[in-house]
Amino acid sequence: MLASPREVMRDCVRHRRMLGGAMRQIGILGAAGLYALDHHLDRLADDHDNAKLVASSLRSNPRVSLVADPVETNIVIFSLEAEAPDAAAVIAAARARGVLVVAFGPRTVRAVTHLDVTREQCERAAGVLVDAIGS
């Protein structure tokens, strides 16, 4: 149990949701995770390397700050500085060029690499995101 002032609780609820704590039917997702560990563990490092490639391209942009740096998994979460477009604009521009990312807030974006995304696609996606953000 967690008891705290309202403002702190809002942050706690937001962080719980960001980490997947509000998910229902988590067993189904867990089963997918177990399958991946049993059948695709050898290529997990590729997903992590692809995420690092995307993060590296974003890191060099002064309009971006990585939420978790260094990136150690297949997830890249980045915040957009005040002079950058907001998350909705970046997501729309990326989507128009075939790159799918999601908002994690009005100025925060999440990108995920996975089994179905190649190194070349990650290189292209990184370029699309950099273009969408501007410099």
N, C-alpha and C. Protein backbone atom coordinates (compact mmCIF):
# COMPACT_ATOMS: atom_id res chain seq x y z
N MET A 1 0.84 -1.16 0.00
CA MET A 1 0.00 0.00 0.00
C MET A 1 0.89 1.23 0.00
N LEU A 2 0.43 2.24 -0.68
CA LEU A 2 1.17 3.50 -0.77
C LEU A 2 0.24 4.63 -0.36
N ALA A 3 0.68 5.43 0.58
CA ALA A 3 -0.09 6.60 1.02
C ALA A 3 0.81 7.82 0.90
N SER A 4 0.28 8.85 0.24
CA SER A 4 1.10 10.03 0.01
C SER A 4 0.20 11.19 -0.40
N PRO A 5 0.73 12.41 -0.46
CA PRO A 5 -0.07 13.53 -0.95
C PRO A 5 -0.53 13.30 -2.39
N ARG A 6 -1.61 13.94 -2.77
CA ARG A 6 -2.24 13.76 -4.09
C ARG A 6 -1.25 13.92 -5.25
N GLU A 7 -0.39 14.93 -5.19
CA GLU A 7 0.55 15.17 -6.29
C GLU A 7 1.53 14.01 -6.44
N VAL A 8 2.00 13.49 -5.32
CA VAL A 8 2.92 12.35 -5.36
C VAL A 8 2.20 11.12 -5.89
N MET A 9 0.95 10.92 -5.49
CA MET A 9 0.18 9.77 -5.95
C MET A 9 -0.04 9.83 -7.47
N ARG A 10 -0.27 11.03 -8.01
CA ARG A 10 -0.43 11.16 -9.46
C ARG A 10 0.83 10.67 -10.17
N ASP A 11 1.99 11.08 -9.66
CA ASP A 11 3.25 10.62 -10.25
C ASP A 11 3.40 9.11 -10.11
N CYS A 12 3.03 8.57 -8.96
CA CYS A 12 3.14 7.13 -8.73
C CYS A 12 2.26 6.35 -9.70
N VAL A 13 1.03 6.81 -9.88
CA VAL A 13 0.11 6.14 -10.80
C VAL A 13 0.65 6.22 -12.23
N ARG A 14 1.17 7.37 -12.61
CA ARG A 14 1.73 7.53 -13.96
C ARG A 14 2.91 6.58 -14.17
N HIS A 15 3.80 6.50 -13.19
CA HIS A 15 4.95 5.60 -13.31
C HIS A 15 4.51 4.14 -13.33
N ARG A 16 3.51 3.78 -12.54
CA ARG A 16 3.01 2.41 -12.56
C ARG A 16 2.50 2.06 -13.95
N ARG A 17 1.75 2.97 -14.55
CA ARG A 17 1.23 2.72 -15.90
C ARG A 17 2.35 2.64 -16.92
N MET A 18 3.36 3.51 -16.80
CA MET A 18 4.49 3.49 -17.73
C MET A 18 5.21 2.15 -17.68
N LEU A 19 5.24 1.55 -16.51
CA LEU A 19 5.94 0.28 -16.34
C LEU A 19 5.03 -0.93 -16.57
N GLY A 20 3.79 -0.69 -16.96
CA GLY A 20 2.89 -1.80 -17.30
C GLY A 20 2.07 -2.30 -16.14
N GLY A 21 2.05 -1.61 -15.02
CA GLY A 21 1.34 -2.08 -13.83
C GLY A 21 -0.17 -2.00 -13.92
N ALA A 22 -0.71 -1.36 -14.94
CA ALA A 22 -2.17 -1.24 -15.06
C ALA A 22 -2.72 -2.24 -16.08
N MET A 23 -1.89 -3.16 -16.53
CA MET A 23 -2.30 -4.08 -17.58
C MET A 23 -3.15 -5.21 -17.03
N ARG A 24 -4.18 -5.56 -17.79
CA ARG A 24 -4.99 -6.73 -17.47
C ARG A 24 -4.52 -7.87 -18.37
N GLN A 25 -4.88 -9.04 -18.03
CA GLN A 25 -4.50 -10.22 -18.81
C GLN A 25 -2.99 -10.29 -19.01
N ILE A 26 -2.26 -9.96 -17.97
CA ILE A 26 -0.80 -9.94 -18.07
C ILE A 26 -0.23 -11.34 -18.33
N GLY A 27 -0.99 -12.38 -17.98
CA GLY A 27 -0.54 -13.74 -18.24
C GLY A 27 -0.32 -14.02 -19.71
N ILE A 28 -1.15 -13.43 -20.55
CA ILE A 28 -1.00 -13.61 -22.00
C ILE A 28 0.31 -12.99 -22.46
N LEU A 29 0.60 -11.80 -21.96
CA LEU A 29 1.86 -11.15 -22.30
C LEU A 29 3.03 -11.94 -21.73
N GLY A 30 2.85 -12.48 -20.52
CA GLY A 30 3.89 -13.30 -19.91
C GLY A 30 4.18 -14.54 -20.75
N ALA A 31 3.14 -15.16 -21.30
CA ALA A 31 3.32 -16.34 -22.15
C ALA A 31 4.12 -15.98 -23.40
N ALA A 32 3.83 -14.81 -23.96
CA ALA A 32 4.59 -14.37 -25.13
C ALA A 32 6.05 -14.16 -24.77
N GLY A 33 6.29 -13.61 -23.59
CA GLY A 33 7.67 -13.42 -23.12
C GLY A 33 8.40 -14.73 -22.96
N LEU A 34 7.73 -15.71 -22.38
CA LEU A 34 8.35 -17.03 -22.22
C LEU A 34 8.65 -17.67 -23.57
N TYR A 35 7.73 -17.54 -24.52
CA TYR A 35 7.97 -18.07 -25.86
C TYR A 35 9.20 -17.41 -26.48
N ALA A 36 9.28 -16.09 -26.33
CA ALA A 36 10.43 -15.36 -26.88
C ALA A 36 11.73 -15.84 -26.26
N LEU A 37 11.73 -16.05 -24.95
CA LEU A 37 12.94 -16.53 -24.28
C LEU A 37 13.32 -17.93 -24.75
N ASP A 38 12.32 -18.76 -25.02
CA ASP A 38 12.59 -20.13 -25.46
C ASP A 38 13.01 -20.21 -26.93
N HIS A 39 12.55 -19.27 -27.77
CA HIS A 39 12.76 -19.40 -29.20
C HIS A 39 13.57 -18.28 -29.86
N HIS A 40 13.75 -17.16 -29.19
CA HIS A 40 14.41 -16.02 -29.84
C HIS A 40 15.47 -15.36 -28.97
N LEU A 41 15.91 -16.02 -27.94
CA LEU A 41 16.88 -15.42 -27.03
C LEU A 41 18.18 -15.04 -27.74
N ASP A 42 18.58 -15.85 -28.70
CA ASP A 42 19.85 -15.60 -29.39
C ASP A 42 19.84 -14.30 -30.19
N ARG A 43 18.68 -13.78 -30.55
CA ARG A 43 18.66 -12.54 -31.32
C ARG A 43 18.20 -11.34 -30.49
N LEU A 44 17.99 -11.52 -29.20
CA LEU A 44 17.61 -10.42 -28.32
C LEU A 44 18.65 -9.31 -28.34
N ALA A 45 19.91 -9.69 -28.39
CA ALA A 45 21.00 -8.70 -28.44
C ALA A 45 20.88 -7.81 -29.68
N ASP A 46 20.36 -8.37 -30.78
CA ASP A 46 20.16 -7.57 -32.00
C ASP A 46 19.15 -6.45 -31.74
N ASP A 47 18.06 -6.79 -31.04
CA ASP A 47 17.05 -5.77 -30.72
C ASP A 47 17.65 -4.67 -29.85
N HIS A 48 18.46 -5.07 -28.88
CA HIS A 48 19.10 -4.09 -27.99
C HIS A 48 20.06 -3.21 -28.78
N ASP A 49 20.83 -3.82 -29.67
CA ASP A 49 21.77 -3.04 -30.50
C ASP A 49 21.02 -2.07 -31.42
N ASN A 50 19.89 -2.52 -31.96
CA ASN A 50 19.10 -1.64 -32.82
C ASN A 50 18.55 -0.46 -32.04
N ALA A 51 18.12 -0.70 -30.81
CA ALA A 51 17.64 0.40 -29.97
C ALA A 51 18.77 1.37 -29.66
N LYS A 52 19.96 0.85 -29.43
CA LYS A 52 21.12 1.71 -29.17
C LYS A 52 21.43 2.57 -30.39
N LEU A 53 21.26 2.00 -31.58
CA LEU A 53 21.48 2.76 -32.81
C LEU A 53 20.49 3.93 -32.90
N VAL A 54 19.22 3.67 -32.63
CA VAL A 54 18.21 4.73 -32.65
C VAL A 54 18.54 5.78 -31.60
N ALA A 55 18.88 5.33 -30.39
CA ALA A 55 19.22 6.26 -29.31
C ALA A 55 20.42 7.12 -29.67
N SER A 56 21.40 6.52 -30.31
CA SER A 56 22.60 7.26 -30.69
C SER A 56 22.26 8.40 -31.65
N SER A 57 21.39 8.14 -32.60
CA SER A 57 20.97 9.19 -33.54
C SER A 57 20.22 10.30 -32.82
N LEU A 58 19.38 9.94 -31.87
CA LEU A 58 18.60 10.94 -31.14
C LEU A 58 19.46 11.72 -30.15
N ARG A 59 20.41 11.04 -29.54
CA ARG A 59 21.27 11.65 -28.51
C ARG A 59 22.02 12.87 -29.05
N SER A 60 22.36 12.86 -30.30
CA SER A 60 23.14 13.96 -30.88
C SER A 60 22.28 15.20 -31.16
N ASN A 61 20.98 15.09 -31.00
CA ASN A 61 20.08 16.22 -31.26
C ASN A 61 19.85 17.01 -29.97
N PRO A 62 20.17 18.30 -29.95
CA PRO A 62 20.00 19.09 -28.73
C PRO A 62 18.54 19.28 -28.32
N ARG A 63 17.61 18.95 -29.20
CA ARG A 63 16.18 19.07 -28.88
C ARG A 63 15.64 17.83 -28.17
N VAL A 64 16.50 16.85 -27.96
CA VAL A 64 16.08 15.56 -27.40
C VAL A 64 16.89 15.23 -26.17
N SER A 65 16.24 14.63 -25.18
CA SER A 65 16.98 14.02 -24.08
C SER A 65 16.41 12.62 -23.86
N LEU A 66 17.31 11.66 -23.77
CA LEU A 66 16.90 10.28 -23.55
C LEU A 66 16.49 10.11 -22.10
N VAL A 67 15.36 9.47 -21.87
CA VAL A 67 14.87 9.26 -20.51
C VAL A 67 15.75 8.26 -19.78
N ALA A 68 16.10 7.18 -20.43
CA ALA A 68 17.01 6.18 -19.86
C ALA A 68 18.26 6.15 -20.73
N ASP A 69 19.35 6.63 -20.20
CA ASP A 69 20.59 6.69 -20.97
C ASP A 69 21.73 6.23 -20.08
N PRO A 70 22.44 5.19 -20.44
CA PRO A 70 22.43 4.53 -21.74
C PRO A 70 21.22 3.60 -21.90
N VAL A 71 20.86 3.37 -23.15
CA VAL A 71 19.78 2.44 -23.48
C VAL A 71 20.34 1.03 -23.36
N GLU A 72 19.68 0.20 -22.56
CA GLU A 72 20.16 -1.16 -22.30
C GLU A 72 19.19 -2.23 -22.80
N THR A 73 18.01 -1.84 -23.27
CA THR A 73 17.01 -2.80 -23.73
C THR A 73 16.59 -2.44 -25.15
N ASN A 74 15.46 -2.97 -25.57
CA ASN A 74 14.95 -2.66 -26.91
C ASN A 74 13.98 -1.48 -26.89
N ILE A 75 13.93 -0.75 -25.79
CA ILE A 75 13.01 0.37 -25.65
C ILE A 75 13.79 1.68 -25.56
N VAL A 76 13.40 2.65 -26.38
CA VAL A 76 14.00 3.98 -26.37
C VAL A 76 12.88 4.97 -26.02
N ILE A 77 13.04 5.65 -24.90
CA ILE A 77 12.08 6.69 -24.50
C ILE A 77 12.84 8.01 -24.49
N PHE A 78 12.28 8.99 -25.19
CA PHE A 78 12.96 10.28 -25.24
C PHE A 78 11.99 11.43 -25.03
N SER A 79 12.51 12.48 -24.42
CA SER A 79 11.74 13.70 -24.17
C SER A 79 12.13 14.75 -25.19
N LEU A 80 11.17 15.56 -25.56
CA LEU A 80 11.38 16.63 -26.52
C LEU A 80 11.48 17.95 -25.78
N GLU A 81 12.55 18.68 -26.02
CA GLU A 81 12.75 19.97 -25.36
C GLU A 81 11.71 20.97 -25.85
N ALA A 82 11.60 22.09 -25.16
CA ALA A 82 10.56 23.09 -25.44
C ALA A 82 10.59 23.61 -26.87
N GLU A 83 11.78 23.73 -27.46
CA GLU A 83 11.87 24.27 -28.82
C GLU A 83 11.58 23.22 -29.90
N ALA A 84 11.42 21.97 -29.51
CA ALA A 84 11.11 20.90 -30.46
C ALA A 84 9.59 20.81 -30.64
N PRO A 85 9.16 20.16 -31.72
CA PRO A 85 7.72 19.89 -31.85
C PRO A 85 7.27 19.01 -30.68
N ASP A 86 5.97 18.99 -30.40
CA ASP A 86 5.49 18.12 -29.32
C ASP A 86 5.40 16.68 -29.82
N ALA A 87 5.10 15.77 -28.90
CA ALA A 87 5.07 14.34 -29.23
C ALA A 87 4.07 14.05 -30.34
N ALA A 88 2.89 14.66 -30.29
CA ALA A 88 1.87 14.40 -31.31
C ALA A 88 2.37 14.76 -32.71
N ALA A 89 3.08 15.87 -32.83
CA ALA A 89 3.60 16.29 -34.13
C ALA A 89 4.69 15.34 -34.63
N VAL A 90 5.57 14.92 -33.73
CA VAL A 90 6.64 13.99 -34.11
C VAL A 90 6.04 12.66 -34.53
N ILE A 91 5.07 12.18 -33.77
CA ILE A 91 4.43 10.89 -34.08
C ILE A 91 3.71 10.96 -35.43
N ALA A 92 3.00 12.05 -35.69
CA ALA A 92 2.30 12.20 -36.97
C ALA A 92 3.28 12.25 -38.14
N ALA A 93 4.36 13.00 -37.99
CA ALA A 93 5.35 13.09 -39.06
C ALA A 93 6.02 11.75 -39.30
N ALA A 94 6.33 11.03 -38.22
CA ALA A 94 6.95 9.71 -38.36
C ALA A 94 5.98 8.73 -39.02
N ARG A 95 4.73 8.74 -38.58
CA ARG A 95 3.72 7.84 -39.14
C ARG A 95 3.54 8.08 -40.64
N ALA A 96 3.57 9.34 -41.05
CA ALA A 96 3.42 9.67 -42.47
C ALA A 96 4.54 9.06 -43.31
N ARG A 97 5.66 8.76 -42.67
CA ARG A 97 6.80 8.14 -43.37
C ARG A 97 6.98 6.68 -43.00
N GLY A 98 5.95 6.08 -42.38
CA GLY A 98 5.96 4.65 -42.12
C GLY A 98 6.64 4.21 -40.85
N VAL A 99 6.92 5.13 -39.94
CA VAL A 99 7.57 4.79 -38.67
C VAL A 99 6.55 4.97 -37.55
N LEU A 100 6.31 3.90 -36.80
CA LEU A 100 5.32 3.92 -35.73
C LEU A 100 5.99 4.03 -34.37
N VAL A 101 5.69 5.08 -33.66
CA VAL A 101 6.13 5.29 -32.28
C VAL A 101 4.91 5.79 -31.51
N VAL A 102 4.99 5.79 -30.18
CA VAL A 102 3.84 6.20 -29.37
C VAL A 102 4.22 7.30 -28.39
N ALA A 103 3.21 8.07 -28.01
CA ALA A 103 3.41 9.13 -27.01
C ALA A 103 3.42 8.52 -25.62
N PHE A 104 4.28 9.05 -24.79
CA PHE A 104 4.32 8.69 -23.38
C PHE A 104 4.03 9.92 -22.54
N GLY A 105 3.42 10.88 -23.17
CA GLY A 105 3.12 12.16 -22.56
C GLY A 105 3.15 13.21 -23.65
N PRO A 106 2.84 14.46 -23.34
CA PRO A 106 2.79 15.49 -24.38
C PRO A 106 4.14 15.78 -25.03
N ARG A 107 5.24 15.49 -24.34
CA ARG A 107 6.56 15.79 -24.90
C ARG A 107 7.50 14.58 -24.78
N THR A 108 6.92 13.40 -24.65
CA THR A 108 7.73 12.18 -24.51
C THR A 108 7.26 11.13 -25.51
N VAL A 109 8.22 10.46 -26.14
CA VAL A 109 7.94 9.48 -27.18
C VAL A 109 8.65 8.17 -26.84
N ARG A 110 8.00 7.06 -27.19
CA ARG A 110 8.57 5.73 -26.95
C ARG A 110 8.69 4.99 -28.28
N ALA A 111 9.87 4.43 -28.51
CA ALA A 111 10.13 3.61 -29.69
C ALA A 111 10.62 2.25 -29.21
N VAL A 112 10.20 1.20 -29.90
CA VAL A 112 10.58 -0.16 -29.49
C VAL A 112 11.08 -0.92 -30.71
N THR A 113 12.21 -1.59 -30.56
CA THR A 113 12.70 -2.49 -31.61
C THR A 113 12.28 -3.90 -31.24
N HIS A 114 12.13 -4.75 -32.25
CA HIS A 114 11.67 -6.12 -31.98
C HIS A 114 12.04 -7.04 -33.13
N LEU A 115 11.63 -8.27 -33.00
CA LEU A 115 11.96 -9.34 -33.94
C LEU A 115 11.67 -8.99 -35.40
N ASP A 116 10.62 -8.24 -35.64
CA ASP A 116 10.19 -7.96 -37.01
C ASP A 116 10.77 -6.67 -37.58
N VAL A 117 11.75 -6.08 -36.90
CA VAL A 117 12.36 -4.83 -37.36
C VAL A 117 13.84 -5.09 -37.64
N THR A 118 14.27 -4.83 -38.86
CA THR A 118 15.66 -5.08 -39.24
C THR A 118 16.56 -3.90 -38.86
N ARG A 119 17.85 -4.13 -38.94
CA ARG A 119 18.83 -3.06 -38.68
C ARG A 119 18.62 -1.90 -39.65
N GLU A 120 18.41 -2.22 -40.92
CA GLU A 120 18.21 -1.19 -41.93
C GLU A 120 16.96 -0.37 -41.64
N GLN A 121 15.90 -1.03 -41.19
CA GLN A 121 14.68 -0.30 -40.84
C GLN A 121 14.91 0.61 -39.64
N CYS A 122 15.73 0.17 -38.69
CA CYS A 122 16.04 1.01 -37.53
C CYS A 122 16.87 2.22 -37.95
N GLU A 123 17.79 2.02 -38.88
CA GLU A 123 18.57 3.16 -39.39
C GLU A 123 17.65 4.17 -40.06
N ARG A 124 16.72 3.67 -40.86
CA ARG A 124 15.76 4.55 -41.52
C ARG A 124 14.87 5.24 -40.50
N ALA A 125 14.37 4.49 -39.53
CA ALA A 125 13.49 5.06 -38.50
C ALA A 125 14.20 6.16 -37.72
N ALA A 126 15.46 5.93 -37.41
CA ALA A 126 16.23 6.95 -36.68
C ALA A 126 16.31 8.23 -37.50
N GLY A 127 16.56 8.10 -38.79
CA GLY A 127 16.61 9.27 -39.66
C GLY A 127 15.27 9.99 -39.75
N VAL A 128 14.20 9.21 -39.83
CA VAL A 128 12.86 9.79 -39.89
C VAL A 128 12.56 10.57 -38.60
N LEU A 129 12.91 9.99 -37.45
CA LEU A 129 12.67 10.67 -36.18
C LEU A 129 13.49 11.95 -36.07
N VAL A 130 14.74 11.88 -36.46
CA VAL A 130 15.60 13.08 -36.42
C VAL A 130 15.01 14.17 -37.31
N ASP A 131 14.55 13.78 -38.51
CA ASP A 131 13.93 14.76 -39.41
C ASP A 131 12.66 15.34 -38.81
N ALA A 132 11.86 14.49 -38.19
CA ALA A 132 10.58 14.94 -37.61
C ALA A 132 10.80 15.92 -36.46
N ILE A 133 11.88 15.73 -35.73
CA ILE A 133 12.18 16.59 -34.58
C ILE A 133 12.84 17.88 -35.02
N GLY A 134 13.64 17.80 -36.07
CA GLY A 134 14.40 18.98 -36.51
C GLY A 134 15.62 19.18 -35.64
N SER A 135 16.37 20.25 -35.93
CA SER A 135 17.59 20.48 -35.13
C SER A 135 17.71 21.92 -34.70
